[in-house]
PDB file of N, CA and C in Angstrom:
ATOM      1  N   UNK A   1     -34.376  39.389 -23.826  1.00  0.00           N
ATOM      2  CA  UNK A   1     -32.954  39.137 -23.848  1.00  0.00           C
ATOM      3  C   UNK A   1     -32.446  38.758 -22.451  1.00  0.00           C
ATOM      4  N   UNK A   2     -32.935  39.479 -21.455  1.00  0.00           N
ATOM      5  CA  UNK A   2     -32.501  39.199 -20.090  1.00  0.00           C
ATOM      6  C   UNK A   2     -32.884  37.776 -19.673  1.00  0.00           C
ATOM      7  N   UNK A   3     -34.048  37.333 -20.103  1.00  0.00           N
ATOM      8  CA  UNK A   3     -34.494  35.979 -19.787  1.00  0.00           C
ATOM      9  C   UNK A   3     -33.577  34.930 -20.389  1.00  0.00           C
ATOM     10  N   UNK A   4     -33.133  35.160 -21.608  1.00  0.00           N
ATOM     11  CA  UNK A   4     -32.218  34.211 -22.265  1.00  0.00           C
ATOM     12  C   UNK A   4     -30.874  34.179 -21.556  1.00  0.00           C
ATOM     13  N   UNK A   5     -30.391  35.331 -21.145  1.00  0.00           N
ATOM     14  CA  UNK A   5     -29.121  35.402 -20.403  1.00  0.00           C
ATOM     15  C   UNK A   5     -29.261  34.664 -19.077  1.00  0.00           C
ATOM     16  N   UNK A   6     -30.386  34.879 -18.402  1.00  0.00           N
ATOM     17  CA  UNK A   6     -30.625  34.191 -17.131  1.00  0.00           C
ATOM     18  C   UNK A   6     -30.685  32.675 -17.337  1.00  0.00           C
ATOM     19  N   UNK A   7     -31.352  32.230 -18.414  1.00  0.00           N
ATOM     20  CA  UNK A   7     -31.423  30.803 -18.720  1.00  0.00           C
ATOM     21  C   UNK A   7     -30.026  30.236 -19.002  1.00  0.00           C
ATOM     22  N   UNK A   8     -29.236  30.992 -19.751  1.00  0.00           N
ATOM     23  CA  UNK A   8     -27.874  30.549 -20.064  1.00  0.00           C
ATOM     24  C   UNK A   8     -27.043  30.461 -18.783  1.00  0.00           C
ATOM     25  N   UNK A   9     -27.179  31.469 -17.945  1.00  0.00           N
ATOM     26  CA  UNK A   9     -26.452  31.458 -16.676  1.00  0.00           C
ATOM     27  C   UNK A   9     -26.873  30.257 -15.818  1.00  0.00           C
ATOM     28  N   UNK A  10     -28.152  29.945 -15.815  1.00  0.00           N
ATOM     29  CA  UNK A  10     -28.668  28.811 -15.042  1.00  0.00           C
ATOM     30  C   UNK A  10     -28.082  27.510 -15.575  1.00  0.00           C
ATOM     31  N   UNK A  11     -28.055  27.379 -16.894  1.00  0.00           N
ATOM     32  CA  UNK A  11     -27.488  26.155 -17.487  1.00  0.00           C
ATOM     33  C   UNK A  11     -25.998  26.051 -17.174  1.00  0.00           C
ATOM     34  N   UNK A  12     -25.300  27.172 -17.219  1.00  0.00           N
ATOM     35  CA  UNK A  12     -23.878  27.158 -16.888  1.00  0.00           C
ATOM     36  C   UNK A  12     -23.659  26.776 -15.423  1.00  0.00           C
ATOM     37  N   UNK A  13     -24.493  27.331 -14.546  1.00  0.00           N
ATOM     38  CA  UNK A  13     -24.394  26.985 -13.124  1.00  0.00           C
ATOM     39  C   UNK A  13     -24.665  25.496 -12.903  1.00  0.00           C
ATOM     40  N   UNK A  14     -25.684  24.967 -13.590  1.00  0.00           N
ATOM     41  CA  UNK A  14     -26.005  23.540 -13.466  1.00  0.00           C
ATOM     42  C   UNK A  14     -24.856  22.676 -13.982  1.00  0.00           C
ATOM     43  N   UNK A  15     -24.268  23.085 -15.103  1.00  0.00           N
ATOM     44  CA  UNK A  15     -23.145  22.329 -15.678  1.00  0.00           C
ATOM     45  C   UNK A  15     -21.955  22.360 -14.720  1.00  0.00           C
ATOM     46  N   UNK A  16     -21.681  23.535 -14.151  1.00  0.00           N
ATOM     47  CA  UNK A  16     -20.577  23.666 -13.207  1.00  0.00           C
ATOM     48  C   UNK A  16     -20.804  22.785 -11.984  1.00  0.00           C
ATOM     49  N   UNK A  17     -22.031  22.813 -11.454  1.00  0.00           N
ATOM     50  CA  UNK A  17     -22.354  21.978 -10.296  1.00  0.00           C
ATOM     51  C   UNK A  17     -22.194  20.491 -10.622  1.00  0.00           C
ATOM     52  N   UNK A  18     -22.643  20.093 -11.803  1.00  0.00           N
ATOM     53  CA  UNK A  18     -22.497  18.695 -12.211  1.00  0.00           C
ATOM     54  C   UNK A  18     -21.038  18.288 -12.332  1.00  0.00           C
ATOM     55  N   UNK A  19     -20.238  19.173 -12.929  1.00  0.00           N
ATOM     56  CA  UNK A  19     -18.806  18.881 -13.051  1.00  0.00           C
ATOM     57  C   UNK A  19     -18.129  18.826 -11.688  1.00  0.00           C
ATOM     58  N   UNK A  20     -18.503  19.719 -10.815  1.00  0.00           N
ATOM     59  CA  UNK A  20     -17.932  19.718  -9.472  1.00  0.00           C
ATOM     60  C   UNK A  20     -18.255  18.414  -8.744  1.00  0.00           C
ATOM     61  N   UNK A  21     -19.501  17.963  -8.856  1.00  0.00           N
ATOM     62  CA  UNK A  21     -19.881  16.703  -8.223  1.00  0.00           C
ATOM     63  C   UNK A  21     -19.102  15.534  -8.810  1.00  0.00           C
ATOM     64  N   UNK A  22     -18.948  15.512 -10.132  1.00  0.00           N
ATOM     65  CA  UNK A  22     -18.192  14.437 -10.777  1.00  0.00           C
ATOM     66  C   UNK A  22     -16.732  14.463 -10.345  1.00  0.00           C
ATOM     67  N   UNK A  23     -16.164  15.670 -10.239  1.00  0.00           N
ATOM     68  CA  UNK A  23     -14.775  15.796  -9.799  1.00  0.00           C
ATOM     69  C   UNK A  23     -14.619  15.326  -8.356  1.00  0.00           C
ATOM     70  N   UNK A  24     -15.560  15.669  -7.501  1.00  0.00           N
ATOM     71  CA  UNK A  24     -15.506  15.232  -6.102  1.00  0.00           C
ATOM     72  C   UNK A  24     -15.607  13.712  -6.006  1.00  0.00           C
ATOM     73  N   UNK A  25     -16.493  13.119  -6.810  1.00  0.00           N
ATOM     74  CA  UNK A  25     -16.641  11.665  -6.816  1.00  0.00           C
ATOM     75  C   UNK A  25     -15.362  11.002  -7.307  1.00  0.00           C
ATOM     76  N   UNK A  26     -14.801  11.531  -8.386  1.00  0.00           N
ATOM     77  CA  UNK A  26     -13.558  10.995  -8.931  1.00  0.00           C
ATOM     78  C   UNK A  26     -12.421  11.128  -7.926  1.00  0.00           C
ATOM     79  N   UNK A  27     -12.345  12.269  -7.269  1.00  0.00           N
ATOM     80  CA  UNK A  27     -11.302  12.497  -6.266  1.00  0.00           C
ATOM     81  C   UNK A  27     -11.433  11.486  -5.127  1.00  0.00           C
ATOM     82  N   UNK A  28     -12.627  11.285  -4.643  1.00  0.00           N
ATOM     83  CA  UNK A  28     -12.847  10.328  -3.553  1.00  0.00           C
ATOM     84  C   UNK A  28     -12.465   8.914  -3.987  1.00  0.00           C
ATOM     85  N   UNK A  29     -12.797   8.560  -5.221  1.00  0.00           N
ATOM     86  CA  UNK A  29     -12.442   7.234  -5.747  1.00  0.00           C
ATOM     87  C   UNK A  29     -10.929   7.075  -5.837  1.00  0.00           C
ATOM     88  N   UNK A  30     -10.247   8.099  -6.331  1.00  0.00           N
ATOM     89  CA  UNK A  30      -8.789   8.031  -6.444  1.00  0.00           C
ATOM     90  C   UNK A  30      -8.122   7.937  -5.075  1.00  0.00           C
ATOM     91  N   UNK A  31      -8.599   8.690  -4.123  1.00  0.00           N
ATOM     92  CA  UNK A  31      -8.044   8.633  -2.773  1.00  0.00           C
ATOM     93  C   UNK A  31      -8.244   7.239  -2.184  1.00  0.00           C
ATOM     94  N   UNK A  32      -9.406   6.681  -2.388  1.00  0.00           N
ATOM     95  CA  UNK A  32      -9.691   5.330  -1.898  1.00  0.00           C
ATOM     96  C   UNK A  32      -8.758   4.305  -2.531  1.00  0.00           C
ATOM     97  N   UNK A  33      -8.560   4.416  -3.831  1.00  0.00           N
ATOM     98  CA  UNK A  33      -7.657   3.485  -4.528  1.00  0.00           C
ATOM     99  C   UNK A  33      -6.218   3.639  -4.047  1.00  0.00           C
ATOM    100  N   UNK A  34      -5.798   4.877  -3.849  1.00  0.00           N
ATOM    101  CA  UNK A  34      -4.436   5.111  -3.362  1.00  0.00           C
ATOM    102  C   UNK A  34      -4.253   4.531  -1.965  1.00  0.00           C
ATOM    103  N   UNK A  35      -5.234   4.720  -1.102  1.00  0.00           N
ATOM    104  CA  UNK A  35      -5.164   4.148   0.245  1.00  0.00           C
ATOM    105  C   UNK A  35      -5.068   2.628   0.179  1.00  0.00           C
ATOM    106  N   UNK A  36      -5.848   2.029  -0.698  1.00  0.00           N
ATOM    107  CA  UNK A  36      -5.823   0.576  -0.861  1.00  0.00           C
ATOM    108  C   UNK A  36      -4.457   0.111  -1.354  1.00  0.00           C
ATOM    109  N   UNK A  37      -3.911   0.814  -2.337  1.00  0.00           N
ATOM    110  CA  UNK A  37      -2.586   0.453  -2.847  1.00  0.00           C
ATOM    111  C   UNK A  37      -1.508   0.642  -1.788  1.00  0.00           C
ATOM    112  N   UNK A  38      -1.600   1.698  -1.008  1.00  0.00           N
ATOM    113  CA  UNK A  38      -0.633   1.924   0.059  1.00  0.00           C
ATOM    114  C   UNK A  38      -0.677   0.803   1.088  1.00  0.00           C
ATOM    115  N   UNK A  39      -1.863   0.326   1.414  1.00  0.00           N
ATOM    116  CA  UNK A  39      -1.988  -0.794   2.346  1.00  0.00           C
ATOM    117  C   UNK A  39      -1.341  -2.048   1.776  1.00  0.00           C
ATOM    118  N   UNK A  40      -1.561  -2.293   0.483  1.00  0.00           N
ATOM    119  CA  UNK A  40      -0.947  -3.459  -0.154  1.00  0.00           C
ATOM    120  C   UNK A  40       0.574  -3.351  -0.154  1.00  0.00           C
ATOM    121  N   UNK A  41       1.092  -2.172  -0.426  1.00  0.00           N
ATOM    122  CA  UNK A  41       2.544  -1.965  -0.418  1.00  0.00           C
ATOM    123  C   UNK A  41       3.095  -2.176   0.983  1.00  0.00           C
ATOM    124  N   UNK A  42       2.407  -1.645   1.991  1.00  0.00           N
ATOM    125  CA  UNK A  42       2.843  -1.832   3.379  1.00  0.00           C
ATOM    126  C   UNK A  42       2.890  -3.311   3.743  1.00  0.00           C
ATOM    127  N   UNK A  43       1.839  -4.062   3.352  1.00  0.00           N
ATOM    128  CA  UNK A  43       1.814  -5.509   3.641  1.00  0.00           C
ATOM    129  C   UNK A  43       2.940  -6.227   2.919  1.00  0.00           C
ATOM    130  N   UNK A  44       3.220  -5.823   1.674  1.00  0.00           N
ATOM    131  CA  UNK A  44       4.304  -6.441   0.915  1.00  0.00           C
ATOM    132  C   UNK A  44       5.640  -6.251   1.627  1.00  0.00           C
ATOM    133  N   UNK A  45       5.941  -5.017   2.032  1.00  0.00           N
ATOM    134  CA  UNK A  45       7.215  -4.762   2.691  1.00  0.00           C
ATOM    135  C   UNK A  45       7.294  -5.452   4.046  1.00  0.00           C
ATOM    136  N   UNK A  46       6.184  -5.517   4.752  1.00  0.00           N
ATOM    137  CA  UNK A  46       6.174  -6.234   6.027  1.00  0.00           C
ATOM    138  C   UNK A  46       6.467  -7.712   5.800  1.00  0.00           C
ATOM    139  N   UNK A  47       5.846  -8.295   4.789  1.00  0.00           N
ATOM    140  CA  UNK A  47       6.084  -9.703   4.464  1.00  0.00           C
ATOM    141  C   UNK A  47       7.529  -9.920   4.038  1.00  0.00           C
ATOM    142  N   UNK A  48       8.059  -9.040   3.208  1.00  0.00           N
ATOM    143  CA  UNK A  48       9.442  -9.163   2.748  1.00  0.00           C
ATOM    144  C   UNK A  48      10.410  -9.058   3.915  1.00  0.00           C
ATOM    145  N   UNK A  49      10.160  -8.117   4.830  1.00  0.00           N
ATOM    146  CA  UNK A  49      11.030  -7.951   5.993  1.00  0.00           C
ATOM    147  C   UNK A  49      10.951  -9.179   6.891  1.00  0.00           C
ATOM    148  N   UNK A  50       9.757  -9.734   7.051  1.00  0.00           N
ATOM    149  CA  UNK A  50       9.579 -10.923   7.882  1.00  0.00           C
ATOM    150  C   UNK A  50      10.309 -12.110   7.265  1.00  0.00           C
ATOM    151  N   UNK A  51      10.208 -12.279   5.957  1.00  0.00           N
ATOM    152  CA  UNK A  51      10.894 -13.383   5.285  1.00  0.00           C
ATOM    153  C   UNK A  51      12.401 -13.230   5.398  1.00  0.00           C
ATOM    154  N   UNK A  52      12.908 -12.016   5.263  1.00  0.00           N
ATOM    155  CA  UNK A  52      14.342 -11.779   5.388  1.00  0.00           C
ATOM    156  C   UNK A  52      14.817 -12.092   6.803  1.00  0.00           C
ATOM    157  N   UNK A  53      14.053 -11.663   7.807  1.00  0.00           N
ATOM    158  CA  UNK A  53      14.415 -11.949   9.195  1.00  0.00           C
ATOM    159  C   UNK A  53      14.391 -13.449   9.449  1.00  0.00           C
ATOM    160  N   UNK A  54      13.402 -14.131   8.918  1.00  0.00           N
ATOM    161  CA  UNK A  54      13.306 -15.581   9.094  1.00  0.00           C
ATOM    162  C   UNK A  54      14.490 -16.281   8.430  1.00  0.00           C
ATOM    163  N   UNK A  55      14.868 -15.857   7.236  1.00  0.00           N
ATOM    164  CA  UNK A  55      16.009 -16.447   6.540  1.00  0.00           C
ATOM    165  C   UNK A  55      17.288 -16.224   7.338  1.00  0.00           C
ATOM    166  N   UNK A  56      17.439 -15.053   7.935  1.00  0.00           N
ATOM    167  CA  UNK A  56      18.618 -14.752   8.745  1.00  0.00           C
ATOM    168  C   UNK A  56      18.670 -15.658   9.972  1.00  0.00           C
ATOM    169  N   UNK A  57      17.539 -15.863  10.615  1.00  0.00           N
ATOM    170  CA  UNK A  57      17.481 -16.755  11.783  1.00  0.00           C
ATOM    171  C   UNK A  57      17.814 -18.188  11.377  1.00  0.00           C
ATOM    172  N   UNK A  58      17.289 -18.624  10.230  1.00  0.00           N
ATOM    173  CA  UNK A  58      17.569 -19.983   9.760  1.00  0.00           C
ATOM    174  C   UNK A  58      19.059 -20.161   9.451  1.00  0.00           C
ATOM    175  N   UNK A  59      19.702 -19.169   8.852  1.00  0.00           N
ATOM    176  CA  UNK A  59      21.145 -19.250   8.590  1.00  0.00           C
ATOM    177  C   UNK A  59      21.923 -19.325   9.899  1.00  0.00           C
ATOM    178  N   UNK A  60      21.511 -18.514  10.861  1.00  0.00           N
ATOM    179  CA  UNK A  60      22.182 -18.513  12.168  1.00  0.00           C
ATOM    180  C   UNK A  60      21.992 -19.855  12.874  1.00  0.00           C
ATOM    181  N   UNK A  61      20.796 -20.418  12.805  1.00  0.00           N
ATOM    182  CA  UNK A  61      20.515 -21.715  13.415  1.00  0.00           C
ATOM    183  C   UNK A  61      21.355 -22.810  12.773  1.00  0.00           C
ATOM    184  N   UNK A  62      21.451 -22.793  11.458  1.00  0.00           N
ATOM    185  CA  UNK A  62      22.281 -23.788  10.755  1.00  0.00           C
ATOM    186  C   UNK A  62      23.735 -23.675  11.191  1.00  0.00           C
ATOM    187  N   UNK A  63      24.227 -22.455  11.308  1.00  0.00           N
ATOM    188  CA  UNK A  63      25.599 -22.234  11.758  1.00  0.00           C
ATOM    189  C   UNK A  63      25.801 -22.763  13.177  1.00  0.00           C
ATOM    190  N   UNK A  64      24.874 -22.428  14.063  1.00  0.00           N
ATOM    191  CA  UNK A  64      25.001 -22.867  15.454  1.00  0.00           C
ATOM    192  C   UNK A  64      24.900 -24.381  15.585  1.00  0.00           C
ATOM    193  N   UNK A  65      24.047 -25.006  14.782  1.00  0.00           N
ATOM    194  CA  UNK A  65      23.960 -26.468  14.803  1.00  0.00           C
ATOM    195  C   UNK A  65      25.277 -27.085  14.363  1.00  0.00           C
ATOM    196  N   UNK A  66      25.907 -26.478  13.364  1.00  0.00           N
ATOM    197  CA  UNK A  66      27.227 -26.949  12.925  1.00  0.00           C
ATOM    198  C   UNK A  66      28.258 -26.800  14.027  1.00  0.00           C
ATOM    199  N   UNK A  67      28.234 -25.671  14.706  1.00  0.00           N
ATOM    200  CA  UNK A  67      29.163 -25.440  15.822  1.00  0.00           C
ATOM    201  C   UNK A  67      28.930 -26.459  16.940  1.00  0.00           C
ATOM    202  N   UNK A  68      27.673 -26.734  17.237  1.00  0.00           N
ATOM    203  CA  UNK A  68      27.363 -27.737  18.274  1.00  0.00           C
ATOM    204  C   UNK A  68      27.890 -29.112  17.866  1.00  0.00           C
ATOM    205  N   UNK A  69      27.761 -29.467  16.608  1.00  0.00           N
ATOM    206  CA  UNK A  69      28.296 -30.743  16.117  1.00  0.00           C
ATOM    207  C   UNK A  69      29.805 -30.806  16.300  1.00  0.00           C
ATOM    208  N   UNK A  70      30.488 -29.712  15.987  1.00  0.00           N
ATOM    209  CA  UNK A  70      31.954 -29.666  16.176  1.00  0.00           C
ATOM    210  C   UNK A  70      32.322 -29.810  17.649  1.00  0.00           C
ATOM    211  N   UNK A  71      31.613 -29.132  18.514  1.00  0.00           N
ATOM    212  CA  UNK A  71      31.866 -29.212  19.960  1.00  0.00           C
ATOM    213  C   UNK A  71      31.635 -30.629  20.451  1.00  0.00           C
ATOM    214  N   UNK A  72      30.588 -31.267  20.020  1.00  0.00           N
ATOM    215  CA  UNK A  72      30.300 -32.629  20.439  1.00  0.00           C
ATOM    216  C   UNK A  72      31.408 -33.583  19.997  1.00  0.00           C
ATOM    217  N   UNK A  73      31.896 -33.357  18.788  1.00  0.00           N
ATOM    218  CA  UNK A  73      32.976 -34.216  18.291  1.00  0.00           C
ATOM    219  C   UNK A  73      34.238 -34.023  19.136  1.00  0.00           C
ATOM    220  N   UNK A  74      34.558 -32.792  19.498  1.00  0.00           N
ATOM    221  CA  UNK A  74      35.745 -32.538  20.329  1.00  0.00           C
ATOM    222  C   UNK A  74      35.603 -33.129  21.704  1.00  0.00           C
ATOM    223  N   UNK A  75      34.412 -33.014  22.281  1.00  0.00           N
ATOM    224  CA  UNK A  75      34.173 -33.562  23.609  1.00  0.00           C
ATOM    225  C   UNK A  75      34.247 -35.101  23.569  1.00  0.00           C
ATOM    226  N   UNK A  76      33.710 -35.693  22.542  1.00  0.00           N
ATOM    227  CA  UNK A  76      33.693 -37.160  22.414  1.00  0.00           C
ATOM    228  C   UNK A  76      35.088 -37.689  22.091  1.00  0.00           C
ATOM    229  N   UNK A  77      35.900 -36.909  21.410  1.00  0.00           N
ATOM    230  CA  UNK A  77      37.206 -37.369  20.927  1.00  0.00           C
ATOM    231  C   UNK A  77      38.275 -37.125  21.878  1.00  0.00           C
TER     232      UNK A  77
END
């Protein structure tokens, strides 16, 4: 009887170890995926912020070019 209990305990220990290894592997995979997604999100927001800043500069440049045209007309007239 003791031998059967020991065998059962051994199988349970092996099963637990296998599950622990699978959980560790899964955890590492999930962390890796999350890190990858976080990098993609960071790049997206950086790109969006850069595009917004560029659009703001372009609007300001268009405005200033218009102002320069008005000044030139006043000076010429």
